[in-house]
């Protein structure tokens, strides 16, 4: 069973901007009748202005005064590689939020020096009076009881406590999980190693389906309230050194599942097991796209 996403009246379903959004995802017939969640897709050359515009159109309801922005800095790499979230996109989020929020930009790179990852990607310049750069590994982790389908307890960074969480991903394919977007980006809150199931354990010795269950177990307890995808480029074939294609997009939604469906389709991936699993477990909805330009 497939479903077709709803579109706003402004969408022309054309190749005018170099891409076509035609969302078709594979679902069980039991999960066809969803309400839709708004996804804004903004196109423009300037990542900072494009991101701010996308958020202005979305107009998310931010319920807390403390905000955690979680980019994808998988390892120390320059922002123009397309493998990490560009700092200009995060700056656009900060500019949208303004000075009324206390903001943490937090990450734990996958077995690499996170401080170096922030530095090489150009994040240190984003610090200001209300914005702090945080290496999760320099903070405490706490035990989170999940009691999920695939695991029981995990350790996660205490930076997530009492925060409005924004997952800010890069638009990338991944050889194991098909895509790595806002949902998978939340793996970065897990403790890298330790006695409890951790970041490395989530992949260990399991099928993609079991990995998807583990990820959804985590998301049932800690799910970002806002999703932003840096679609300046799309990375195809691999999440670190794949082929880049220019898109000049920012995708945003208050539903990370909806945002990831749109991101996956732009990459050409119409069926992604962990996204379908998230829909099956009612962690999100199918998207209704509003396209804007800046």
Protein backbone atom coordinates (compact mmCIF):
# COMPACT_ATOMS: atom_id res chain seq x y z
CA UNK A 1 0.00 0.00 0.00
CA UNK A 2 1.28 3.44 -0.92
CA UNK A 3 0.10 6.85 0.13
CA UNK A 4 0.31 10.15 -1.68
CA UNK A 5 1.14 13.22 0.34
CA UNK A 6 -1.18 16.21 0.42
CA UNK A 7 0.10 19.40 -1.22
CA UNK A 8 -0.67 23.03 -0.65
CA UNK A 9 -2.26 24.95 -3.51
CA UNK A 10 1.02 26.78 -4.16
CA UNK A 11 2.78 23.58 -5.25
CA UNK A 12 3.06 23.14 -9.02
CA UNK A 13 4.71 19.68 -9.01
CA UNK A 14 7.18 20.90 -11.61
CA UNK A 15 10.90 20.65 -12.28
CA UNK A 16 11.19 24.45 -12.29
CA UNK A 17 13.58 24.49 -9.32
CA UNK A 18 15.51 21.39 -10.28
CA UNK A 19 13.60 18.85 -8.21
CA UNK A 20 10.14 17.34 -7.97
CA UNK A 21 8.37 16.39 -4.76
CA UNK A 22 6.14 13.40 -5.37
CA UNK A 23 5.90 11.60 -2.04
CA UNK A 24 5.07 7.92 -2.27
CA UNK A 25 5.89 5.78 0.76
CA UNK A 26 5.24 2.12 1.39
CA UNK A 27 2.88 1.43 4.30
CA UNK A 28 0.69 -1.32 5.65
CA UNK A 29 -2.96 -0.75 4.83
CA UNK A 30 -3.65 -0.43 8.57
CA UNK A 31 -1.83 2.92 8.65
CA UNK A 32 -3.19 4.80 5.65
CA UNK A 33 -5.62 7.26 7.23
CA UNK A 34 -3.35 9.83 8.86
CA UNK A 35 -3.90 13.43 9.68
CA UNK A 36 -1.25 15.51 7.92
CA UNK A 37 1.47 17.68 9.44
CA UNK A 38 2.74 20.84 7.80
CA UNK A 39 6.19 20.69 6.24
CA UNK A 40 7.71 23.86 4.83
CA UNK A 41 10.20 23.45 1.98
CA UNK A 42 12.00 26.73 1.34
CA UNK A 43 14.31 27.25 -1.64
CA UNK A 44 16.99 29.92 -1.82
CA UNK A 45 20.71 30.48 -2.27
CA UNK A 46 21.41 31.82 1.24
CA UNK A 47 21.16 29.02 3.87
CA UNK A 48 20.77 31.38 6.82
CA UNK A 49 18.01 33.49 5.27
CA UNK A 50 16.33 30.46 3.72
CA UNK A 51 16.16 28.69 7.08
CA UNK A 52 14.84 31.72 8.91
CA UNK A 53 12.17 32.19 6.24
CA UNK A 54 11.13 28.53 6.46
CA UNK A 55 10.68 28.83 10.22
CA UNK A 56 8.75 32.08 9.92
CA UNK A 57 6.33 30.36 7.55
CA UNK A 58 6.06 27.29 9.78
CA UNK A 59 5.64 29.43 12.93
CA UNK A 60 6.35 26.65 15.43
CA UNK A 61 5.01 26.80 18.97
CA UNK A 62 8.07 26.85 21.25
CA UNK A 63 6.93 25.78 24.67
CA UNK A 64 10.13 26.14 26.71
CA UNK A 65 12.68 28.88 27.36
CA UNK A 66 15.63 26.48 27.04
CA UNK A 67 16.38 25.12 23.57
CA UNK A 68 18.71 22.31 22.52
CA UNK A 69 19.84 22.44 18.89
CA UNK A 70 21.26 19.05 17.87
CA UNK A 71 23.15 19.26 14.54
CA UNK A 72 24.74 16.31 12.74
CA UNK A 73 28.52 16.54 13.17
CA UNK A 74 29.25 12.89 12.58
CA UNK A 75 33.01 13.51 12.56
CA UNK A 76 35.37 16.49 12.14
CA UNK A 77 34.69 17.72 8.61
CA UNK A 78 34.38 21.05 6.84
CA UNK A 79 30.83 22.34 6.30
CA UNK A 80 31.17 22.41 2.51
CA UNK A 81 31.60 18.61 2.43
CA UNK A 82 27.83 18.18 2.80
CA UNK A 83 28.43 15.49 5.43
CA UNK A 84 27.74 17.80 8.39
CA UNK A 85 25.03 20.33 9.16
CA UNK A 86 26.14 23.72 7.88
CA UNK A 87 26.54 26.38 10.60
CA UNK A 88 24.64 28.90 8.46
CA UNK A 89 21.50 26.78 8.82
CA UNK A 90 21.92 26.68 12.60
CA UNK A 91 22.54 30.43 12.57
CA UNK A 92 19.26 30.89 10.73
CA UNK A 93 17.51 28.99 13.54
CA UNK A 94 19.25 31.14 16.18
CA UNK A 95 18.24 34.32 14.38
CA UNK A 96 14.65 33.11 14.21
CA UNK A 97 14.62 32.31 17.93
CA UNK A 98 16.09 35.68 18.89
CA UNK A 99 17.38 36.58 22.33
CA UNK A 100 14.47 35.34 24.44
CA UNK A 101 15.76 31.77 24.63
CA UNK A 102 18.76 30.14 26.26
CA UNK A 103 20.23 27.99 23.48
CA UNK A 104 22.58 25.03 23.63
CA UNK A 105 24.14 23.65 20.45
CA UNK A 106 25.05 20.13 21.51
CA UNK A 107 26.66 17.11 19.89
CA UNK A 108 28.73 14.00 20.50
CA UNK A 109 30.55 12.92 17.35
CA UNK A 110 30.73 9.22 16.53
CA UNK A 111 33.96 8.19 18.24
CA UNK A 112 35.74 11.39 17.22
CA UNK A 113 36.84 14.58 18.95
CA UNK A 114 33.62 16.60 19.19
CA UNK A 115 35.46 19.82 20.05
CA UNK A 116 37.42 19.50 16.82
CA UNK A 117 34.21 18.71 14.92
CA UNK A 118 32.63 21.96 16.15
CA UNK A 119 35.77 23.91 15.29
CA UNK A 120 36.30 22.48 11.81
CA UNK A 121 32.64 22.91 10.87
CA UNK A 122 32.72 26.59 11.92
CA UNK A 123 30.38 26.38 14.91
CA UNK A 124 32.48 28.26 17.46
CA UNK A 125 31.57 31.53 15.76
CA UNK A 126 27.93 30.93 16.67
CA UNK A 127 28.50 31.39 20.40
CA UNK A 128 27.00 34.51 21.93
CA UNK A 129 25.47 35.63 25.22
CA UNK A 130 22.51 33.27 24.96
CA UNK A 131 24.14 30.53 22.84
CA UNK A 132 26.51 27.89 24.24
CA UNK A 133 28.43 25.17 22.37
CA UNK A 134 28.29 21.91 24.35
CA UNK A 135 30.17 18.64 23.90
CA UNK A 136 27.82 16.04 25.37
CA UNK A 137 30.81 13.96 26.45
CA UNK A 138 31.88 16.75 28.81
CA UNK A 139 28.52 16.57 30.58
CA UNK A 140 26.75 13.87 32.55
CA UNK A 141 24.71 11.05 31.07
CA UNK A 142 21.75 9.58 32.91
CA UNK A 143 19.91 6.27 32.81
CA UNK A 144 16.65 6.42 30.88
CA UNK A 145 14.18 3.60 31.38
CA UNK A 146 12.63 2.85 27.99
CA UNK A 147 10.99 -0.56 28.40
CA UNK A 148 10.55 -0.63 24.67
CA UNK A 149 10.11 -3.38 22.12
CA UNK A 150 13.85 -3.78 21.52
CA UNK A 151 15.66 -2.53 24.62
CA UNK A 152 15.00 -1.61 28.23
CA UNK A 153 17.46 1.02 29.50
CA UNK A 154 19.82 3.48 27.82
CA UNK A 155 22.03 6.35 28.88
CA UNK A 156 21.42 9.76 27.34
CA UNK A 157 22.97 13.20 27.77
CA UNK A 158 21.48 15.33 30.53
CA UNK A 159 21.45 18.21 28.02
CA UNK A 160 18.04 16.97 26.83
CA UNK A 161 16.36 17.52 30.21
CA UNK A 162 13.66 20.20 30.19
CA UNK A 163 14.65 21.39 26.71
CA UNK A 164 12.78 22.18 23.53
CA UNK A 165 14.73 19.93 21.15
CA UNK A 166 15.50 20.86 17.55
CA UNK A 167 17.06 18.11 15.42
CA UNK A 168 19.01 19.69 12.56
CA UNK A 169 20.14 17.12 10.01
CA UNK A 170 21.96 17.13 6.70
CA UNK A 171 20.20 15.75 3.65
CA UNK A 172 22.08 12.45 3.20
CA UNK A 173 21.72 8.84 2.23
CA UNK A 174 23.23 6.14 4.44
CA UNK A 175 24.40 2.64 3.45
CA UNK A 176 22.72 0.98 6.46
CA UNK A 177 19.60 3.02 7.23
CA UNK A 178 18.89 4.25 3.64
CA UNK A 179 18.81 7.88 4.83
CA UNK A 180 20.16 9.72 7.86
CA UNK A 181 17.93 12.68 8.68
CA UNK A 182 16.24 14.16 11.77
CA UNK A 183 15.11 10.89 13.34
CA UNK A 184 18.44 9.10 13.09
CA UNK A 185 20.22 12.28 14.19
CA UNK A 186 18.79 11.70 17.67
CA UNK A 187 21.18 8.78 18.13
CA UNK A 188 23.71 11.48 19.01
CA UNK A 189 22.12 11.96 22.44
CA UNK A 190 23.12 8.41 23.45
CA UNK A 191 26.23 7.79 25.52
CA UNK A 192 28.98 6.65 23.13
CA UNK A 193 29.99 3.68 25.27
CA UNK A 194 29.23 2.12 28.63
CA UNK A 195 27.63 -0.85 30.31
CA UNK A 196 24.08 0.01 29.23
CA UNK A 197 23.00 -0.08 25.58
CA UNK A 198 24.65 2.91 23.96
CA UNK A 199 25.31 4.63 20.64
CA UNK A 200 27.50 1.84 19.25
CA UNK A 201 25.17 -0.89 20.57
CA UNK A 202 22.17 0.40 18.66
CA UNK A 203 23.77 -0.88 15.42
CA UNK A 204 25.51 -3.97 16.76
CA UNK A 205 24.70 -7.29 15.17
CA UNK A 206 21.13 -6.51 14.20
CA UNK A 207 19.01 -6.28 11.11
CA UNK A 208 17.84 -2.91 9.84
CA UNK A 209 14.36 -3.74 11.16
CA UNK A 210 15.63 -4.37 14.70
CA UNK A 211 17.74 -1.19 14.53
CA UNK A 212 14.60 0.70 13.52
CA UNK A 213 12.77 -0.72 16.55
CA UNK A 214 15.58 0.44 18.82
CA UNK A 215 15.56 3.92 17.33
CA UNK A 216 11.78 4.16 17.68
CA UNK A 217 12.03 2.99 21.31
CA UNK A 218 14.32 5.96 21.95
CA UNK A 219 12.07 8.36 20.04
CA UNK A 220 9.02 7.30 22.03
CA UNK A 221 10.77 8.71 25.10
CA UNK A 222 12.70 11.63 23.59
CA UNK A 223 11.48 13.04 20.28
CA UNK A 224 12.48 16.43 18.87
CA UNK A 225 9.75 19.04 18.86
CA UNK A 226 11.15 20.65 15.72
CA UNK A 227 12.92 19.16 12.71
CA UNK A 228 15.12 21.10 10.30
CA UNK A 229 16.94 19.55 7.34
CA UNK A 230 19.87 21.33 5.70
CA UNK A 231 19.23 20.60 2.05
CA UNK A 232 21.84 22.94 0.61
CA UNK A 233 23.13 19.77 -0.98
CA UNK A 234 21.97 16.18 -1.00
CA UNK A 235 24.57 13.48 -0.45
CA UNK A 236 23.91 10.29 -2.41
CA UNK A 237 25.26 6.78 -1.91
CA UNK A 238 27.08 7.37 1.37
CA UNK A 239 26.76 9.60 4.44
CA UNK A 240 30.40 10.72 4.55
CA UNK A 241 31.89 10.76 1.07
CA UNK A 242 28.92 10.37 -1.23
CA UNK A 243 28.05 12.24 -4.40
CA UNK A 244 26.76 15.78 -3.84
CA UNK A 245 23.89 17.40 -5.70
CA UNK A 246 22.87 21.02 -5.17
CA UNK A 247 19.31 21.59 -3.92
CA UNK A 248 19.45 24.88 -1.95
CA UNK A 249 16.60 23.79 0.33
CA UNK A 250 15.64 23.97 3.96
CA UNK A 251 12.95 21.56 5.13
CA UNK A 252 11.24 22.10 8.47
CA UNK A 253 8.30 20.70 10.42
CA UNK A 254 7.08 20.25 13.96
CA UNK A 255 6.83 16.55 13.07
CA UNK A 256 10.26 14.96 12.43
CA UNK A 257 8.63 11.96 10.74
CA UNK A 258 6.91 14.19 8.20
CA UNK A 259 10.13 16.15 7.61
CA UNK A 260 12.10 12.93 7.07
CA UNK A 261 9.52 11.59 4.59
CA UNK A 262 10.01 14.73 2.49
CA UNK A 263 13.80 14.58 2.81
CA UNK A 264 13.87 10.91 1.83
CA UNK A 265 11.75 11.56 -1.26
CA UNK A 266 13.99 14.40 -2.39
CA UNK A 267 16.88 11.94 -2.15
CA UNK A 268 14.82 9.51 -4.24
CA UNK A 269 14.19 7.01 -1.44
CA UNK A 270 10.47 6.22 -1.39
CA UNK A 271 10.66 3.44 1.20
CA UNK A 272 12.76 3.79 4.35
CA UNK A 273 12.22 1.08 6.98
CA UNK A 274 12.79 3.22 10.07
CA UNK A 275 10.46 5.95 8.79
CA UNK A 276 7.76 3.39 8.03
CA UNK A 277 8.32 1.91 11.49
CA UNK A 278 7.91 5.36 13.05
CA UNK A 279 4.61 5.80 11.19
CA UNK A 280 3.47 2.33 12.23
CA UNK A 281 4.21 3.21 15.86
CA UNK A 282 2.35 6.51 15.48
CA UNK A 283 5.39 8.66 16.18
CA UNK A 284 4.41 11.03 13.38
CA UNK A 285 2.20 11.67 10.42
CA UNK A 286 2.42 12.04 6.66
CA UNK A 287 3.33 15.52 5.39
CA UNK A 288 1.45 18.34 3.81
CA UNK A 289 4.01 20.44 1.95
CA UNK A 290 4.08 24.19 1.63
CA UNK A 291 6.71 25.44 -0.79
CA UNK A 292 8.18 28.92 -0.53
CA UNK A 293 11.14 30.79 -2.00
CA UNK A 294 13.46 33.44 -0.65
